Amino acid sequence: MGRHSPEDLDRVRSLLEQVAHGSKAAFAALYDETSPYVYGALLRLLRNPQWATEALQDCYIRVWQHADGYAAERGDPYGWLIGIARYRALDLLRAQTDRAGRLAENASDLRDAAVVPKSPETEALTLIDLEQLQRCLAHLPAAQRECLLLGYYEGHSNQELADRLHQPLGTVKAWIRRGLVRLRSCMEGP
């Protein structure tokens, strides 16, 4: 994960303060600025894009509800966000483990198993999904693809991407937005 400049930290602190006072615009800006970084951390923790997306949504709901709990004097705002994300990831892992444990207890042929193994069909579908994702990513313009991969898998913020790619922040945000729309359309396609 990239390091955050003092300006980035100040901007995120300011956004959190505004969110604590109920600013929806600041919340949207905070999400745009920090969600790629938080999603990247969740993806590394959970190793499952669907779970990481679910945890990300829950994380930002908690941020909206508890932004007044952030105290700038106690540390880095990204650390605070990642702390919330980690707790949500752990809750999600516990829930998945509990669910798998209940399935194992109820299945007579899996009496002693703690986790339900993946079937060959499930593994094949996962590989097909990954192949489809790779094909869809390959059809994106290079700039959109690079922004998505750096943002979501390496955890760079939008500002870090703009700095790294020597592009205006608005351009990078537009590339990400358009890339996600095209990627979703491709993945849902025939």
Protein backbone atom coordinates (compact mmCIF):
# COMPACT_ATOMS: atom_id res chain seq x y z
CA MET A 1 0.00 0.00 0.00
CA GLY A 2 1.17 3.44 -0.78
CA ARG A 3 2.21 6.02 1.77
CA HIS A 4 -0.02 8.99 2.26
CA SER A 5 1.26 12.53 1.97
CA PRO A 6 0.60 15.03 4.75
CA GLU A 7 -1.84 16.77 2.37
CA ASP A 8 -3.74 13.48 1.82
CA LEU A 9 -3.94 12.91 5.56
CA ASP A 10 -5.15 16.46 6.20
CA ARG A 11 -7.78 16.15 3.45
CA VAL A 12 -9.10 12.85 4.87
CA ARG A 13 -9.11 14.25 8.42
CA SER A 14 -11.11 17.24 7.20
CA LEU A 15 -13.56 14.99 5.36
CA LEU A 16 -14.04 12.84 8.46
CA GLU A 17 -14.74 15.94 10.52
CA GLN A 18 -17.34 17.07 7.98
CA VAL A 19 -18.89 13.59 7.91
CA ALA A 20 -19.13 13.69 11.71
CA HIS A 21 -21.27 16.81 11.24
CA GLY A 22 -23.56 14.99 8.77
CA SER A 23 -22.19 16.16 5.41
CA LYS A 24 -23.27 13.73 2.70
CA ALA A 25 -21.05 15.48 0.15
CA ALA A 26 -18.03 14.99 2.41
CA PHE A 27 -18.99 11.34 2.88
CA ALA A 28 -19.11 10.82 -0.90
CA ALA A 29 -15.73 12.53 -1.26
CA LEU A 30 -14.30 10.46 1.60
CA TYR A 31 -15.54 7.28 -0.04
CA ASP A 32 -14.10 8.26 -3.43
CA GLU A 33 -10.77 9.15 -1.84
CA THR A 34 -10.31 6.21 0.52
CA SER A 35 -12.38 3.24 -0.67
CA PRO A 36 -9.79 1.86 -3.15
CA TYR A 37 -7.23 1.77 -0.33
CA VAL A 38 -9.68 0.14 2.13
CA TYR A 39 -10.93 -2.31 -0.50
CA GLY A 40 -7.36 -3.36 -1.31
CA ALA A 41 -6.70 -4.06 2.37
CA LEU A 42 -9.95 -6.03 2.69
CA LEU A 43 -9.20 -8.04 -0.41
CA ARG A 44 -5.79 -8.99 0.99
CA LEU A 45 -7.38 -9.98 4.29
CA LEU A 46 -10.39 -11.87 2.94
CA ARG A 47 -9.05 -13.12 -0.42
CA ASN A 48 -12.59 -13.05 -1.77
CA PRO A 49 -13.83 -10.10 -3.87
CA GLN A 50 -17.48 -10.62 -2.91
CA TRP A 51 -16.67 -10.68 0.82
CA ALA A 52 -14.34 -7.70 0.43
CA THR A 53 -17.12 -5.73 -1.29
CA GLU A 54 -19.59 -6.66 1.45
CA ALA A 55 -17.11 -5.72 4.19
CA LEU A 56 -16.35 -2.43 2.39
CA GLN A 57 -20.03 -1.47 2.37
CA ASP A 58 -20.40 -2.32 6.05
CA CYS A 59 -17.21 -0.44 6.86
CA TYR A 60 -18.47 2.78 5.29
CA ILE A 61 -21.85 2.44 6.97
CA ARG A 62 -19.96 2.37 10.28
CA VAL A 63 -17.84 5.32 9.18
CA TRP A 64 -21.03 7.30 8.47
CA GLN A 65 -22.49 6.32 11.83
CA HIS A 66 -19.34 6.80 13.90
CA ALA A 67 -17.21 9.44 12.16
CA ASP A 68 -17.38 11.45 15.37
CA GLY A 69 -15.35 8.65 16.98
CA TYR A 70 -12.26 9.55 14.98
CA ALA A 71 -9.82 11.67 16.96
CA ALA A 72 -7.08 13.26 14.86
CA GLU A 73 -4.71 13.41 17.83
CA ARG A 74 -4.85 9.62 18.14
CA GLY A 75 -3.46 8.95 14.70
CA ASP A 76 -3.67 8.48 11.00
CA PRO A 77 -7.21 8.58 9.53
CA TYR A 78 -6.32 5.73 7.17
CA GLY A 79 -5.33 3.64 10.19
CA TRP A 80 -8.71 4.38 11.74
CA LEU A 81 -10.50 3.34 8.53
CA ILE A 82 -8.44 0.17 8.22
CA GLY A 83 -9.19 -0.64 11.87
CA ILE A 84 -12.91 -0.50 11.15
CA ALA A 85 -12.39 -2.58 8.00
CA ARG A 86 -10.37 -5.22 9.88
CA TYR A 87 -13.05 -5.64 12.52
CA ARG A 88 -15.68 -6.02 9.82
CA ALA A 89 -13.50 -8.53 7.95
CA LEU A 90 -13.03 -10.58 11.12
CA ASP A 91 -16.79 -10.52 11.77
CA LEU A 92 -17.40 -11.70 8.23
CA LEU A 93 -14.81 -14.49 8.51
CA ARG A 94 -16.33 -15.62 11.81
CA ALA A 95 -19.79 -15.69 10.25
CA GLN A 96 -18.53 -17.69 7.26
CA THR A 97 -16.68 -20.11 9.55
CA ASP A 98 -19.78 -20.52 11.75
CA ARG A 99 -21.94 -21.13 8.68
CA ALA A 100 -19.49 -23.71 7.33
CA GLY A 101 -19.33 -25.36 10.76
CA ARG A 102 -23.13 -25.64 10.93
CA LEU A 103 -23.22 -27.17 7.46
CA ALA A 104 -20.57 -29.69 8.46
CA GLU A 105 -22.41 -30.63 11.66
CA ASN A 106 -25.66 -31.21 9.75
CA ALA A 107 -24.11 -33.31 6.99
CA SER A 108 -23.69 -36.92 8.07
CA ASP A 109 -20.94 -37.60 5.56
CA LEU A 110 -19.00 -34.51 6.73
CA ARG A 111 -19.40 -35.17 10.48
CA ASP A 112 -15.87 -34.22 11.43
CA ALA A 113 -15.20 -31.59 8.78
CA ALA A 114 -14.83 -27.95 9.82
CA VAL A 115 -15.20 -26.56 6.30
CA VAL A 116 -17.22 -27.78 3.34
CA PRO A 117 -14.73 -28.57 0.56
CA LYS A 118 -15.14 -26.99 -2.86
CA SER A 119 -16.65 -29.25 -5.45
CA PRO A 120 -15.03 -29.61 -8.87
CA GLU A 121 -18.04 -27.74 -10.30
CA THR A 122 -17.52 -24.80 -7.92
CA GLU A 123 -13.81 -24.64 -8.69
CA ALA A 124 -14.54 -24.75 -12.44
CA LEU A 125 -17.06 -21.90 -12.10
CA THR A 126 -14.51 -19.87 -10.13
CA LEU A 127 -11.93 -20.39 -12.89
CA ILE A 128 -14.50 -19.42 -15.53
CA ASP A 129 -15.30 -16.24 -13.56
CA LEU A 130 -11.61 -15.39 -13.32
CA GLU A 131 -11.11 -16.02 -17.03
CA GLN A 132 -14.12 -13.83 -17.81
CA LEU A 133 -12.75 -11.09 -15.54
CA GLN A 134 -9.38 -11.26 -17.32
CA ARG A 135 -11.11 -11.04 -20.72
CA CYS A 136 -13.24 -8.09 -19.58
CA LEU A 137 -10.21 -6.30 -18.13
CA ALA A 138 -8.35 -6.84 -21.41
CA HIS A 139 -11.12 -5.00 -23.27
CA LEU A 140 -10.83 -1.89 -21.10
CA PRO A 141 -8.71 1.02 -22.28
CA ALA A 142 -5.24 0.79 -20.73
CA ALA A 143 -5.73 3.84 -18.47
CA GLN A 144 -8.99 2.49 -17.01
CA ARG A 145 -7.52 -0.97 -16.52
CA GLU A 146 -4.41 0.42 -14.81
CA CYS A 147 -6.45 2.63 -12.46
CA LEU A 148 -8.72 -0.25 -11.46
CA LEU A 149 -5.87 -2.67 -10.84
CA LEU A 150 -3.71 -0.19 -8.93
CA GLY A 151 -6.67 1.11 -6.94
CA TYR A 152 -8.42 -2.10 -6.06
CA TYR A 153 -5.59 -4.58 -5.82
CA GLU A 154 -2.72 -2.42 -4.61
CA GLY A 155 -4.87 -0.11 -2.50
CA HIS A 156 -3.83 3.25 -3.96
CA SER A 157 -6.12 6.20 -3.27
CA ASN A 158 -7.49 8.24 -6.14
CA GLN A 159 -5.03 11.03 -5.34
CA GLU A 160 -2.10 8.58 -5.32
CA LEU A 161 -3.22 7.28 -8.72
CA ALA A 162 -3.44 10.82 -10.08
CA ASP A 163 0.06 11.57 -8.81
CA ARG A 164 1.49 8.31 -10.10
CA LEU A 165 -0.12 8.63 -13.53
CA HIS A 166 0.51 12.40 -13.77
CA GLN A 167 -3.18 13.04 -14.45
CA PRO A 168 -5.75 15.36 -12.84
CA LEU A 169 -7.73 13.81 -9.99
CA GLY A 170 -11.02 14.29 -11.86
CA THR A 171 -9.67 12.38 -14.86
CA VAL A 172 -8.58 9.45 -12.69
CA LYS A 173 -11.98 9.34 -10.96
CA ALA A 174 -13.72 9.36 -14.36
CA TRP A 175 -11.48 6.53 -15.62
CA ILE A 176 -12.30 4.44 -12.54
CA ARG A 177 -16.03 5.14 -12.78
CA ARG A 178 -16.17 4.36 -16.52
CA GLY A 179 -13.95 1.32 -16.09
CA LEU A 180 -16.20 -0.12 -13.37
CA VAL A 181 -19.31 0.48 -15.50
CA ARG A 182 -17.73 -1.23 -18.51
CA LEU A 183 -16.37 -4.07 -16.39
CA ARG A 184 -19.76 -4.68 -14.74
CA SER A 185 -21.50 -4.63 -18.12
CA CYS A 186 -18.99 -7.10 -19.56
CA MET A 187 -19.22 -9.45 -16.56
CA GLU A 188 -23.03 -9.44 -16.66
CA GLY A 189 -23.12 -9.83 -20.45
CA PRO A 190 -23.96 -13.00 -22.39
